[in-house]
C-alpha atoms as a PDB file:
ATOM      1  CA  MET A   1      15.085 -21.428  14.932  1.00  0.00           C
ATOM      2  CA  ILE A   2      13.931 -19.419  17.711  1.00  0.00           C
ATOM      3  CA  LEU A   3      11.484 -21.922  19.838  1.00  0.00           C
ATOM      4  CA  ASN A   4       8.808 -19.635  22.208  1.00  0.00           C
ATOM      5  CA  PRO A   5       5.103 -20.224  23.200  1.00  0.00           C
ATOM      6  CA  TYR A   6       3.595 -18.270  20.150  1.00  0.00           C
ATOM      7  CA  SER A   7       6.047 -20.350  17.508  1.00  0.00           C
ATOM      8  CA  ILE A   8       5.153 -23.547  19.040  1.00  0.00           C
ATOM      9  CA  THR A   9       1.454 -23.020  19.293  1.00  0.00           C
ATOM     10  CA  TYR A  10       1.475 -21.002  15.389  1.00  0.00           C
ATOM     11  CA  LEU A  11       3.446 -24.790  13.929  1.00  0.00           C
ATOM     12  CA  LEU A  12       1.298 -27.181  15.996  1.00  0.00           C
ATOM     13  CA  LEU A  13      -1.736 -25.325  14.444  1.00  0.00           C
ATOM     14  CA  SER A  14      -0.490 -25.267  11.096  1.00  0.00           C
ATOM     15  CA  ALA A  15       0.649 -29.006  11.313  1.00  0.00           C
ATOM     16  CA  LEU A  16      -2.707 -29.675  11.927  1.00  0.00           C
ATOM     17  CA  SER A  17      -4.698 -27.819   9.908  1.00  0.00           C
ATOM     18  CA  LEU A  18      -2.805 -29.565   6.876  1.00  0.00           C
ATOM     19  CA  LEU A  19      -3.298 -32.838   7.789  1.00  0.00           C
ATOM     20  CA  LEU A  20      -6.747 -32.491   8.523  1.00  0.00           C
ATOM     21  CA  GLY A  21      -6.989 -31.352   4.897  1.00  0.00           C
ATOM     22  CA  ILE A  22      -5.103 -33.889   3.926  1.00  0.00           C
ATOM     23  CA  ALA A  23      -7.731 -36.365   5.577  1.00  0.00           C
ATOM     24  CA  ALA A  24     -10.612 -34.701   3.925  1.00  0.00           C
ATOM     25  CA  LEU A  25      -9.291 -34.434   0.227  1.00  0.00           C
ATOM     26  CA  VAL A  26      -8.584 -38.254   0.563  1.00  0.00           C
ATOM     27  CA  ALA A  27     -12.004 -38.692   1.942  1.00  0.00           C
ATOM     28  CA  GLY A  28     -13.582 -36.066  -0.772  1.00  0.00           C
ATOM     29  CA  ILE A  29     -12.051 -37.112  -4.004  1.00  0.00           C
ATOM     30  CA  GLY A  30     -12.999 -40.760  -3.324  1.00  0.00           C
ATOM     31  CA  VAL A  31     -16.597 -39.537  -2.678  1.00  0.00           C
ATOM     32  CA  ALA A  32     -16.569 -36.890  -5.490  1.00  0.00           C
ATOM     33  CA  ARG A  33     -15.614 -39.950  -7.829  1.00  0.00           C
ATOM     34  CA  ALA A  34     -18.792 -41.967  -7.072  1.00  0.00           C
ATOM     35  CA  TRP A  35     -21.003 -39.245  -6.240  1.00  0.00           C
ATOM     36  CA  GLN A  36     -22.403 -38.701 -10.223  1.00  0.00           C
ATOM     37  CA  THR A  37     -23.331 -41.846 -10.557  1.00  0.00           C
ATOM     38  CA  CYS A  38     -24.529 -42.838  -7.402  1.00  0.00           C
ATOM     39  CA  ASP A  39     -28.141 -44.052  -8.002  1.00  0.00           C
ATOM     40  CA  SER A  40     -28.647 -46.188  -5.309  1.00  0.00           C
ATOM     41  CA  PRO A  41     -30.163 -45.103  -1.939  1.00  0.00           C
ATOM     42  CA  GLU A  42     -28.630 -47.045   0.186  1.00  0.00           C
ATOM     43  CA  ARG A  43     -25.283 -46.689  -1.514  1.00  0.00           C
ATOM     44  CA  ARG A  44     -26.488 -42.936  -1.634  1.00  0.00           C
ATOM     45  CA  TYR A  45     -26.335 -42.984   2.381  1.00  0.00           C
ATOM     46  CA  GLN A  46     -22.811 -44.306   2.853  1.00  0.00           C
ATOM     47  CA  LEU A  47     -21.642 -41.200   0.866  1.00  0.00           C
ATOM     48  CA  GLU A  48     -22.981 -38.672   2.336  1.00  0.00           C
ATOM     49  CA  LYS A  49     -22.084 -40.034   5.799  1.00  0.00           C
ATOM     50  CA  ASN A  50     -18.275 -39.851   4.363  1.00  0.00           C
ATOM     51  CA  VAL A  51     -19.216 -36.617   2.187  1.00  0.00           C
ATOM     52  CA  TYR A  52     -20.193 -35.142   6.053  1.00  0.00           C
ATOM     53  CA  LEU A  53     -17.069 -36.378   7.242  1.00  0.00           C
ATOM     54  CA  SER A  54     -14.310 -34.664   5.052  1.00  0.00           C
ATOM     55  CA  MET A  55     -16.291 -31.337   5.461  1.00  0.00           C
ATOM     56  CA  THR A  56     -16.125 -31.582   8.986  1.00  0.00           C
ATOM     57  CA  LEU A  57     -12.653 -32.065   8.732  1.00  0.00           C
ATOM     58  CA  ILE A  58     -11.992 -29.223   5.680  1.00  0.00           C
ATOM     59  CA  ALA A  59     -13.798 -26.811   7.398  1.00  0.00           C
ATOM     60  CA  LEU A  60     -11.928 -27.233  10.625  1.00  0.00           C
ATOM     61  CA  GLY A  61      -8.673 -27.266   8.493  1.00  0.00           C
ATOM     62  CA  PHE A  62      -9.602 -23.706   7.291  1.00  0.00           C
ATOM     63  CA  CYS A  63     -11.251 -22.325  10.918  1.00  0.00           C
ATOM     64  CA  LEU A  64      -7.437 -23.482  11.689  1.00  0.00           C
ATOM     65  CA  ARG A  65      -6.230 -21.256   8.834  1.00  0.00           C
ATOM     66  CA  LEU A  66      -8.019 -18.001   9.746  1.00  0.00           C
ATOM     67  CA  VAL A  67      -7.117 -18.250  13.536  1.00  0.00           C
ATOM     68  CA  LEU A  68      -3.585 -18.606  11.978  1.00  0.00           C
ATOM     69  CA  VAL A  69      -3.595 -14.802  10.312  1.00  0.00           C
ATOM     70  CA  PRO A  70      -3.386 -12.662  13.063  1.00  0.00           C
ATOM     71  CA  LEU A  71      -1.258 -15.680  14.722  1.00  0.00           C
ATOM     72  CA  TRP A  72       1.355 -15.282  12.524  1.00  0.00           C
ATOM     73  CA  PHE A  73       2.083 -11.519  13.681  1.00  0.00           C
ATOM     74  CA  LEU A  74       1.853 -12.157  17.355  1.00  0.00           C
ATOM     75  CA  MET A  75       4.457 -14.880  17.125  1.00  0.00           C
ATOM     76  CA  LEU A  76       6.439 -12.317  15.020  1.00  0.00           C
ATOM     77  CA  GLN A  77       6.298  -9.541  17.314  1.00  0.00           C
ATOM     78  CA  SER A  78       7.320 -12.232  20.071  1.00  0.00           C
ATOM     79  CA  LEU A  79      10.243 -12.606  18.119  1.00  0.00           C
ATOM     80  CA  ILE A  80      11.757  -9.259  17.993  1.00  0.00           C
ATOM     81  CA  PRO A  81      13.560  -9.001  21.245  1.00  0.00           C
ATOM     82  CA  SER A  82      15.770 -11.919  20.105  1.00  0.00           C
ATOM     83  CA  ILE A  83      17.421 -10.748  17.417  1.00  0.00           C
ATOM     84  CA  PRO A  84      19.135  -7.772  17.540  1.00  0.00           C
ATOM     85  CA  GLY A  85      18.706  -4.792  15.233  1.00  0.00           C
ATOM     86  CA  ALA A  86      14.742  -5.521  15.138  1.00  0.00           C
ATOM     87  CA  MET A  87      12.621  -2.793  15.704  1.00  0.00           C
ATOM     88  CA  CYS A  88       9.973  -3.902  14.642  1.00  0.00           C
ATOM     89  CA  LEU A  89       8.501  -6.697  12.701  1.00  0.00           C
ATOM     90  CA  CYS A  90       9.811  -5.770   9.211  1.00  0.00           C
ATOM     91  CA  GLY A  91      13.553  -6.507  11.116  1.00  0.00           C
ATOM     92  CA  VAL A  92      12.688 -10.259  11.628  1.00  0.00           C
ATOM     93  CA  HIS A  93      10.723 -10.472   8.241  1.00  0.00           C
ATOM     94  CA  LEU A  94      14.715  -9.076   6.317  1.00  0.00           C
ATOM     95  CA  LEU A  95      15.779 -12.886   8.320  1.00  0.00           C
ATOM     96  CA  LYS A  96      14.412 -14.223   5.207  1.00  0.00           C
ATOM     97  CA  PRO A  97      12.819 -12.011   3.021  1.00  0.00           C
ATOM     98  CA  SER A  98      12.280 -14.552   0.143  1.00  0.00           C
ATOM     99  CA  TYR A  99       9.969 -16.172   2.381  1.00  0.00           C
ATOM    100  CA  SER A 100       8.512 -14.191   5.144  1.00  0.00           C
ATOM    101  CA  PHE A 101       7.302 -11.724   2.933  1.00  0.00           C
ATOM    102  CA  LEU A 102       5.560 -14.680   1.009  1.00  0.00           C
ATOM    103  CA  SER A 103       3.978 -15.609   4.094  1.00  0.00           C
ATOM    104  CA  THR A 104       2.542 -12.652   5.487  1.00  0.00           C
ATOM    105  CA  LEU A 105       1.177 -12.065   1.847  1.00  0.00           C
ATOM    106  CA  LEU A 106      -0.212 -14.938   1.553  1.00  0.00           C
ATOM    107  CA  LYS A 107      -2.453 -14.015   5.293  1.00  0.00           C
ATOM    108  CA  PHE A 108      -3.656 -11.574   3.675  1.00  0.00           C
ATOM    109  CA  ILE A 109      -4.883 -13.095   0.400  1.00  0.00           C
ATOM    110  CA  LEU A 110      -5.990 -16.875   0.579  1.00  0.00           C
ATOM    111  CA  PRO A 111      -8.630 -15.545   3.976  1.00  0.00           C
ATOM    112  CA  MET A 112     -10.674 -14.887   0.546  1.00  0.00           C
ATOM    113  CA  VAL A 113     -10.063 -18.475  -1.080  1.00  0.00           C
ATOM    114  CA  TYR A 114     -10.619 -20.301   2.569  1.00  0.00           C
ATOM    115  CA  GLY A 115     -13.895 -17.886   2.925  1.00  0.00           C
ATOM    116  CA  TYR A 116     -15.132 -18.330  -0.378  1.00  0.00           C
ATOM    117  CA  TRP A 117     -14.842 -22.621   0.132  1.00  0.00           C
ATOM    118  CA  LEU A 118     -17.117 -22.001   3.729  1.00  0.00           C
ATOM    119  CA  ALA A 119     -19.703 -19.611   2.705  1.00  0.00           C
ATOM    120  CA  LEU A 120     -20.417 -22.124  -0.501  1.00  0.00           C
ATOM    121  CA  ASN A 121     -20.403 -24.947   1.885  1.00  0.00           C
ATOM    122  CA  ALA A 122     -22.921 -23.363   3.959  1.00  0.00           C
ATOM    123  CA  LEU A 123     -25.005 -22.652   0.680  1.00  0.00           C
ATOM    124  CA  ASP A 124     -24.857 -25.967  -0.456  1.00  0.00           C
ATOM    125  CA  ARG A 125     -25.703 -27.672   2.975  1.00  0.00           C
ATOM    126  CA  LYS A 126     -28.744 -25.527   3.147  1.00  0.00           C
ATOM    127  CA  ILE A 127     -30.262 -26.223  -0.425  1.00  0.00           C
ATOM    128  CA  GLU A 128     -31.653 -29.744  -0.975  1.00  0.00           C
ATOM    129  CA  THR A 129     -29.697 -30.796  -4.230  1.00  0.00           C
ATOM    130  CA  GLN A 130     -26.777 -29.905  -2.849  1.00  0.00           C
ATOM    131  CA  PRO A 131     -25.890 -28.945  -6.557  1.00  0.00           C
ATOM    132  CA  LEU A 132     -22.332 -27.585  -5.365  1.00  0.00           C
ATOM    133  CA  MET A 133     -20.887 -31.199  -3.801  1.00  0.00           C
ATOM    134  CA  THR A 134     -18.597 -31.753  -6.859  1.00  0.00           C
ATOM    135  CA  ARG A 135     -17.402 -28.324  -7.211  1.00  0.00           C
ATOM    136  CA  LYS A 136     -16.997 -28.438  -2.966  1.00  0.00           C
ATOM    137  CA  LEU A 137     -14.859 -31.540  -4.053  1.00  0.00           C
ATOM    138  CA  TYR A 138     -12.599 -31.137  -6.754  1.00  0.00           C
ATOM    139  CA  THR A 139     -11.778 -27.482  -4.627  1.00  0.00           C
ATOM    140  CA  LEU A 140      -9.798 -29.498  -2.290  1.00  0.00           C
ATOM    141  CA  ILE A 141      -6.972 -29.884  -4.442  1.00  0.00           C
ATOM    142  CA  PRO A 142      -5.936 -26.828  -5.222  1.00  0.00           C
ATOM    143  CA  LEU A 143      -6.566 -25.508  -1.130  1.00  0.00           C
ATOM    144  CA  ASN A 144      -5.030 -28.414  -0.420  1.00  0.00           C
ATOM    145  CA  LEU A 145      -1.830 -27.279  -2.437  1.00  0.00           C
ATOM    146  CA  LEU A 146      -2.430 -23.533  -1.124  1.00  0.00           C
ATOM    147  CA  MET A 147      -2.155 -25.117   2.179  1.00  0.00           C
ATOM    148  CA  PHE A 148       1.138 -26.562   1.691  1.00  0.00           C
ATOM    149  CA  VAL A 149       2.824 -24.174   0.054  1.00  0.00           C
ATOM    150  CA  GLU A 150       2.055 -21.819   3.025  1.00  0.00           C
ATOM    151  CA  SER A 151       3.064 -24.074   5.549  1.00  0.00           C
ATOM    152  CA  PHE A 152       6.171 -24.968   3.536  1.00  0.00           C
ATOM    153  CA  SER A 153       6.499 -21.264   2.989  1.00  0.00           C
ATOM    154  CA  ASP A 154       6.246 -20.388   6.690  1.00  0.00           C
ATOM    155  CA  LEU A 155       8.353 -23.324   7.726  1.00  0.00           C
ATOM    156  CA  HIS A 156      11.460 -22.446   5.980  1.00  0.00           C
ATOM    157  CA  PHE A 157      11.238 -18.831   6.935  1.00  0.00           C
ATOM    158  CA  LEU A 158      11.017 -19.931  10.886  1.00  0.00           C
ATOM    159  CA  THR A 159      13.867 -22.469  10.316  1.00  0.00           C
ATOM    160  CA  ALA A 160      16.073 -19.745   9.360  1.00  0.00           C
ATOM    161  CA  VAL A 161      15.076 -17.503  12.333  1.00  0.00           C
ATOM    162  CA  LYS A 162      18.518 -16.897  14.722  1.00  0.00           C
ATOM    163  CA  PRO A 163      19.444 -14.542  16.999  1.00  0.00           C
ATOM    164  CA  ARG A 164      21.502 -12.793  14.117  1.00  0.00           C
ATOM    165  CA  PHE A 165      22.253  -9.439  13.720  1.00  0.00           C
ATOM    166  CA  VAL A 166      19.710  -7.089  10.895  1.00  0.00           C
ATOM    167  CA  ASN A 167      19.193  -3.858   9.554  1.00  0.00           C
ATOM    168  CA  CYS A 168      15.446  -2.974  10.371  1.00  0.00           C
ATOM    169  CA  CYS A 169      12.983  -0.921   8.637  1.00  0.00           C
ATOM    170  CA  SER A 170      14.617   2.585   7.218  1.00  0.00           C
ATOM    171  CA  SER A 171      17.332   0.530   5.307  1.00  0.00           C
ATOM    172  CA  LEU A 172      14.339  -0.970   3.648  1.00  0.00           C
ATOM    173  CA  PHE A 173      12.196   1.714   2.907  1.00  0.00           C
ATOM    174  CA  ASP A 174      13.822   5.312   3.885  1.00  0.00           C
ATOM    175  CA  ASP A 175      17.108   4.513   3.293  1.00  0.00           C
ATOM    176  CA  SER A 176      16.872   1.782   0.210  1.00  0.00           C
ATOM    177  CA  SER A 177      18.957   1.835  -3.213  1.00  0.00           C
ATOM    178  CA  SER A 178      15.898   0.402  -4.944  1.00  0.00           C
ATOM    179  CA  LYS A 179      13.933   3.000  -7.056  1.00  0.00           C
ATOM    180  CA  LEU A 180      10.532   1.142  -6.887  1.00  0.00           C
ATOM    181  CA  MET A 181      10.889   1.510  -3.480  1.00  0.00           C
ATOM    182  CA  GLN A 182      11.686   4.671  -3.071  1.00  0.00           C
ATOM    183  CA  THR A 183       9.133   5.441  -5.386  1.00  0.00           C
ATOM    184  CA  MET A 184       6.519   3.346  -3.470  1.00  0.00           C
ATOM    185  CA  THR A 185       7.985   4.980  -0.018  1.00  0.00           C
ATOM    186  CA  TYR A 186       7.751   8.717  -0.979  1.00  0.00           C
ATOM    187  CA  SER A 187       4.306   8.910  -3.272  1.00  0.00           C
ATOM    188  CA  GLY A 188       2.733  11.431  -0.865  1.00  0.00           C
ATOM    189  CA  TRP A 189      -0.957  11.007  -0.670  1.00  0.00           C
ATOM    190  CA  ALA A 190      -1.954   9.957  -3.658  1.00  0.00           C
ATOM    191  CA  TRP A 191      -2.518   6.702  -1.844  1.00  0.00           C
ATOM    192  CA  VAL A 192      -4.832   8.062   0.460  1.00  0.00           C
ATOM    193  CA  PHE A 193      -6.956   9.493  -1.710  1.00  0.00           C
ATOM    194  CA  VAL A 194      -6.753   6.524  -3.283  1.00  0.00           C
ATOM    195  CA  PHE A 195      -8.506   4.276  -0.596  1.00  0.00           C
ATOM    196  CA  PHE A 196     -10.889   6.494   0.500  1.00  0.00           C
ATOM    197  CA  ALA A 197     -12.115   6.572  -3.342  1.00  0.00           C
ATOM    198  CA  MET A 198     -12.384   3.045  -3.518  1.00  0.00           C
ATOM    199  CA  ALA A 199     -14.001   2.530   0.119  1.00  0.00           C
ATOM    200  CA  GLY A 200     -16.516   4.941  -1.030  1.00  0.00           C
ATOM    201  CA  ALA A 201     -16.887   3.322  -4.297  1.00  0.00           C
ATOM    202  CA  SER A 202     -17.139   0.302  -2.407  1.00  0.00           C
ATOM    203  CA  LEU A 203     -19.670   1.217   0.321  1.00  0.00           C
ATOM    204  CA  ILE A 204     -22.084   3.053  -2.968  1.00  0.00           C
ATOM    205  CA  VAL A 205     -21.731  -0.522  -4.246  1.00  0.00           C
ATOM    206  CA  ALA A 206     -22.735  -2.567  -2.033  1.00  0.00           C
ATOM    207  CA  GLY A 207     -25.403  -0.400  -0.615  1.00  0.00           C
ATOM    208  CA  TYR A 208     -27.001  -0.632  -4.295  1.00  0.00           C
ATOM    209  CA  VAL A 209     -26.650  -4.753  -4.347  1.00  0.00           C
ATOM    210  CA  LEU A 210     -28.072  -4.863  -0.865  1.00  0.00           C
ATOM    211  CA  ARG A 211     -31.445  -4.047  -2.570  1.00  0.00           C
ATOM    212  CA  ARG A 212     -30.537  -5.940  -5.223  1.00  0.00           C
ATOM    213  CA  PRO A 213     -28.430  -8.994  -4.690  1.00  0.00           C
ATOM    214  CA  ARG A 214     -28.713 -10.546  -8.722  1.00  0.00           C
ATOM    215  CA  HIS A 215     -27.749  -6.977 -10.013  1.00  0.00           C
ATOM    216  CA  PRO A 216     -24.646  -7.109 -12.403  1.00  0.00           C
ATOM    217  CA  ILE A 217     -22.772  -4.533 -11.084  1.00  0.00           C
ATOM    218  CA  GLY A 218     -21.944  -6.962  -7.570  1.00  0.00           C
ATOM    219  CA  ALA A 219     -19.606  -8.143  -9.956  1.00  0.00           C
ATOM    220  CA  LEU A 220     -17.329  -4.978  -9.195  1.00  0.00           C
ATOM    221  CA  LEU A 221     -17.000  -5.743  -5.097  1.00  0.00           C
ATOM    222  CA  GLY A 222     -14.182  -8.994  -6.508  1.00  0.00           C
ATOM    223  CA  VAL A 223     -12.230  -5.702  -7.997  1.00  0.00           C
ATOM    224  CA  LEU A 224     -12.508  -3.117  -5.855  1.00  0.00           C
ATOM    225  CA  GLY A 225     -12.182  -5.229  -2.481  1.00  0.00           C
ATOM    226  CA  PRO A 226      -8.555  -5.945  -2.884  1.00  0.00           C
ATOM    227  CA  VAL A 227      -7.884  -2.257  -4.533  1.00  0.00           C
ATOM    228  CA  THR A 228      -9.094  -1.082  -1.614  1.00  0.00           C
ATOM    229  CA  LEU A 229      -6.702  -3.271   0.870  1.00  0.00           C
ATOM    230  CA  ILE A 230      -3.628  -2.282  -1.608  1.00  0.00           C
ATOM    231  CA  SER A 231      -4.258   1.445  -1.316  1.00  0.00           C
ATOM    232  CA  PHE A 232      -5.052   1.197   2.310  1.00  0.00           C
ATOM    233  CA  VAL A 233      -1.476  -0.167   3.446  1.00  0.00           C
ATOM    234  CA  LEU A 234      -0.029   2.209   0.767  1.00  0.00           C
ATOM    235  CA  ALA A 235      -1.771   4.407   2.626  1.00  0.00           C
ATOM    236  CA  VAL A 236      -0.427   4.136   5.808  1.00  0.00           C
ATOM    237  CA  HIS A 237       2.966   3.393   4.427  1.00  0.00           C
ATOM    238  CA  THR A 238       3.805   6.711   2.210  1.00  0.00           C
ATOM    239  CA  ALA A 239       2.111   9.350   3.657  1.00  0.00           C
ATOM    240  CA  LEU A 240       0.491   8.369   7.013  1.00  0.00           C
ATOM    241  CA  SER A 241       2.986   6.698   9.163  1.00  0.00           C
ATOM    242  CA  PRO A 242       5.324   9.309   9.445  1.00  0.00           C
ATOM    243  CA  ARG A 243       2.411  11.412  10.457  1.00  0.00           C
ATOM    244  CA  PHE A 244       1.197   8.714  13.179  1.00  0.00           C
ATOM    245  CA  LEU A 245       4.601   8.288  14.064  1.00  0.00           C
ATOM    246  CA  GLN A 246       5.528  11.953  14.331  1.00  0.00           C
ATOM    247  CA  ALA A 247       8.775  11.629  12.218  1.00  0.00           C
ATOM    248  CA  GLN A 248       8.693  13.070   9.146  1.00  0.00           C
ATOM    249  CA  PHE A 249      11.240  10.824   7.248  1.00  0.00           C
ATOM    250  CA  HIS A 250      10.262   7.523   8.914  1.00  0.00           C
ATOM    251  CA  HIS A 251       7.875   4.811   6.553  1.00  0.00           C
ATOM    252  CA  CYS A 252       6.787   1.938   7.659  1.00  0.00           C
ATOM    253  CA  VAL A 253       3.515  -0.171   8.406  1.00  0.00           C
ATOM    254  CA  PHE A 254       4.799  -2.439  10.526  1.00  0.00           C
ATOM    255  CA  CYS A 255       5.983   0.420  13.344  1.00  0.00           C
ATOM    256  CA  VAL A 256       2.846   1.789  13.032  1.00  0.00           C
ATOM    257  CA  TRP A 257       0.841  -1.459  13.379  1.00  0.00           C
ATOM    258  CA  GLN A 258       3.139  -1.771  16.328  1.00  0.00           C
ATOM    259  CA  LYS A 259       2.498   1.550  17.747  1.00  0.00           C
ATOM    260  CA  LEU A 260      -1.005   2.567  17.383  1.00  0.00           C
ATOM    261  CA  PRO A 261      -3.409  -0.502  18.872  1.00  0.00           C
ATOM    262  CA  ASP A 262      -6.008   1.297  17.476  1.00  0.00           C
ATOM    263  CA  LEU A 263      -4.655   0.539  14.084  1.00  0.00           C
ATOM    264  CA  ILE A 264      -4.561  -2.794  13.837  1.00  0.00           C
ATOM    265  CA  ALA A 265      -7.963  -2.362  14.632  1.00  0.00           C
ATOM    266  CA  VAL A 266      -8.803  -0.349  11.531  1.00  0.00           C
ATOM    267  CA  THR A 267      -6.587  -3.117   9.479  1.00  0.00           C
ATOM    268  CA  ALA A 268      -8.799  -6.025  10.852  1.00  0.00           C
ATOM    269  CA  ALA A 269     -11.959  -4.103   9.564  1.00  0.00           C
ATOM    270  CA  ILE A 270     -10.817  -3.117   6.144  1.00  0.00           C
ATOM    271  CA  CYS A 271      -9.711  -6.578   5.593  1.00  0.00           C
ATOM    272  CA  LEU A 272     -12.875  -8.178   6.604  1.00  0.00           C
ATOM    273  CA  ALA A 273     -14.333  -5.662   4.528  1.00  0.00           C
ATOM    274  CA  CYS A 274     -11.972  -6.594   1.207  1.00  0.00           C
ATOM    275  CA  TRP A 275     -12.380 -10.435   2.282  1.00  0.00           C
ATOM    276  CA  ALA A 276     -16.078 -10.189   1.853  1.00  0.00           C
ATOM    277  CA  SER A 277     -16.319  -7.978  -0.615  1.00  0.00           C
ATOM    278  CA  VAL A 278     -14.374 -10.925  -2.585  1.00  0.00           C
ATOM    279  CA  ILE A 279     -16.158 -13.781  -1.376  1.00  0.00           C
ATOM    280  CA  TYR A 280     -19.487 -11.757  -2.487  1.00  0.00           C
ATOM    281  CA  ALA A 281     -18.655 -11.954  -5.919  1.00  0.00           C
ATOM    282  CA  ALA A 282     -17.341 -15.384  -6.287  1.00  0.00           C
ATOM    283  CA  THR A 283     -20.270 -16.580  -4.774  1.00  0.00           C
ATOM    284  CA  ARG A 284     -22.553 -14.839  -7.260  1.00  0.00           C
ATOM    285  CA  SER A 285     -22.330 -18.349  -9.488  1.00  0.00           C
ATOM    286  CA  VAL A 286     -24.868 -19.925  -7.127  1.00  0.00           C
ATOM    287  CA  LEU A 287     -27.433 -18.720  -8.749  1.00  0.00           C
ATOM    288  CA  GLU A 288     -27.437 -19.774 -11.746  1.00  0.00           C
ATOM    289  CA  TYR A 289     -28.808 -23.610 -10.204  1.00  0.00           C
ATOM    290  CA  PRO A 290     -32.134 -24.032  -9.662  1.00  0.00           C
ATOM    291  CA  GLY A 291     -33.709 -23.440  -6.013  1.00  0.00           C
ATOM    292  CA  ALA A 292     -30.539 -21.734  -4.703  1.00  0.00           C
ATOM    293  CA  SER A 293     -31.250 -18.465  -5.430  1.00  0.00           C
ATOM    294  CA  VAL A 294     -33.576 -17.687  -2.762  1.00  0.00           C
ATOM    295  CA  ILE A 295     -30.329 -19.338   0.099  1.00  0.00           C
ATOM    296  CA  ALA A 296     -27.932 -17.317  -2.169  1.00  0.00           C
ATOM    297  CA  ASP A 297     -29.753 -14.162  -2.273  1.00  0.00           C
ATOM    298  CA  ALA A 298     -29.421 -14.162   1.985  1.00  0.00           C
ATOM    299  CA  ASN A 299     -26.384 -14.985   2.019  1.00  0.00           C
ATOM    300  CA  ALA A 300     -25.362 -12.497  -0.186  1.00  0.00           C
ATOM    301  CA  ARG A 301     -27.159  -9.940   2.255  1.00  0.00           C
ATOM    302  CA  ARG A 302     -25.400 -11.140   5.183  1.00  0.00           C
ATOM    303  CA  LEU A 303     -22.286 -10.224   3.291  1.00  0.00           C
ATOM    304  CA  LEU A 304     -22.724  -7.266   2.302  1.00  0.00           C
ATOM    305  CA  GLN A 305     -24.106  -6.115   5.865  1.00  0.00           C
ATOM    306  CA  TRP A 306     -20.244  -7.516   6.854  1.00  0.00           C
ATOM    307  CA  VAL A 307     -18.557  -4.990   4.048  1.00  0.00           C
ATOM    308  CA  MET A 308     -20.518  -2.231   4.495  1.00  0.00           C
ATOM    309  CA  GLY A 309     -20.318  -2.469   8.333  1.00  0.00           C
ATOM    310  CA  SER A 310     -16.506  -2.995   8.239  1.00  0.00           C
ATOM    311  CA  LEU A 311     -15.763  -0.444   6.065  1.00  0.00           C
ATOM    312  CA  LEU A 312     -17.454   1.937   8.071  1.00  0.00           C
ATOM    313  CA  VAL A 313     -15.932   0.762  11.112  1.00  0.00           C
ATOM    314  CA  GLY A 314     -12.802   0.912   9.388  1.00  0.00           C
ATOM    315  CA  CYS A 315     -12.626   4.139   7.447  1.00  0.00           C
ATOM    316  CA  GLY A 316     -14.206   5.645  10.687  1.00  0.00           C
ATOM    317  CA  LEU A 317     -11.250   5.103  12.868  1.00  0.00           C
ATOM    318  CA  LEU A 318      -8.840   5.929  10.531  1.00  0.00           C
ATOM    319  CA  ALA A 319     -10.286   9.734  10.103  1.00  0.00           C
ATOM    320  CA  ALA A 320     -10.520   9.593  13.590  1.00  0.00           C
ATOM    321  CA  ARG A 321      -7.085   8.727  14.069  1.00  0.00           C
ATOM    322  CA  ILE A 322      -5.882  11.485  11.249  1.00  0.00           C
ATOM    323  CA  ALA A 323      -8.233  14.194  12.667  1.00  0.00           C
ATOM    324  CA  ALA A 324      -6.622  13.983  15.647  1.00  0.00           C
ATOM    325  CA  VAL A 325      -3.281  13.823  14.656  1.00  0.00           C
ATOM    326  CA  ASN A 326      -3.764  16.738  12.674  1.00  0.00           C
ATOM    327  CA  GLY A 327      -5.304  18.456  15.373  1.00  0.00           C
ATOM    328  CA  LEU A 328      -1.951  18.065  17.357  1.00  0.00           C
ATOM    329  CA  PHE A 329       0.185  19.146  14.747  1.00  0.00           C
ATOM    330  CA  GLY A 330      -2.254  21.869  14.801  1.00  0.00           C
ATOM    331  CA  MET A 331      -1.459  22.724  18.192  1.00  0.00           C
ATOM    332  CA  GLY A 332       2.070  21.860  17.749  1.00  0.00           C
ATOM    333  CA  HIS A 333       2.017  24.695  14.804  1.00  0.00           C
END
């Protein structure tokens, strides 16, 4: 294991969030069992005190997990100088690809899950009857399991990180013997068009549902969000990276992130938009509870505003980068 300030900070925050999750689970499950059958005001008051403690602990744990997302990539970047042959994050991943790529994938997926719970908790606390209390408490079981899986994958990878020689991104993407990898890498501009089409569809649906938060078409955002994010990563990797890096035969989204800081901002904006899309679609079920619709509508509008604002920022920055690069190529010709 290579220890530096980034890796130590990451491990400490990861362990702290996991401990907070376990403590919240222990306190929360006991409350969940007694919540439905409790009819004594005194007992109810005691349960509410315990549940607020549990909610505070797990909310802090999930917020720490969100902080770990950018810290994960900063930590990987800090390891590059210590690994011979690694020129970007891809080389670091190749030290233990079965766990490193899993951990990175989870950094894109799990914020949607944690964000869903945080949104659910924020909604429930504004409703006088708190109808989502039992659901929130019992979902701590799978959420803690996911936190454990992520922490185990991270730790398993970090213990395998040693200063040994690795091949870098060209061997994995450009010169790969895998037909699947070659197909994914050299698929042309199709993914760029798919991304902009999916982003445009998301904007149209979000704009329409912003005025009608309960319209059934809003459920489409739960599909459009992940598809938009996947197509964005593939668009950058397959067609845009050679132009952005000014290297005709080099495809690597990690190199793009490393050399072009504005693409980090684009990725962050697209991620926020896609996460908000999924969270909005998931929280639509709250509309079925009496007295929750008005609060749920207000929450839905905020999420939809995040979807539209983040998508517009991300797509605008990406379009500006494409236009600038095309202008440079045009001047070169």
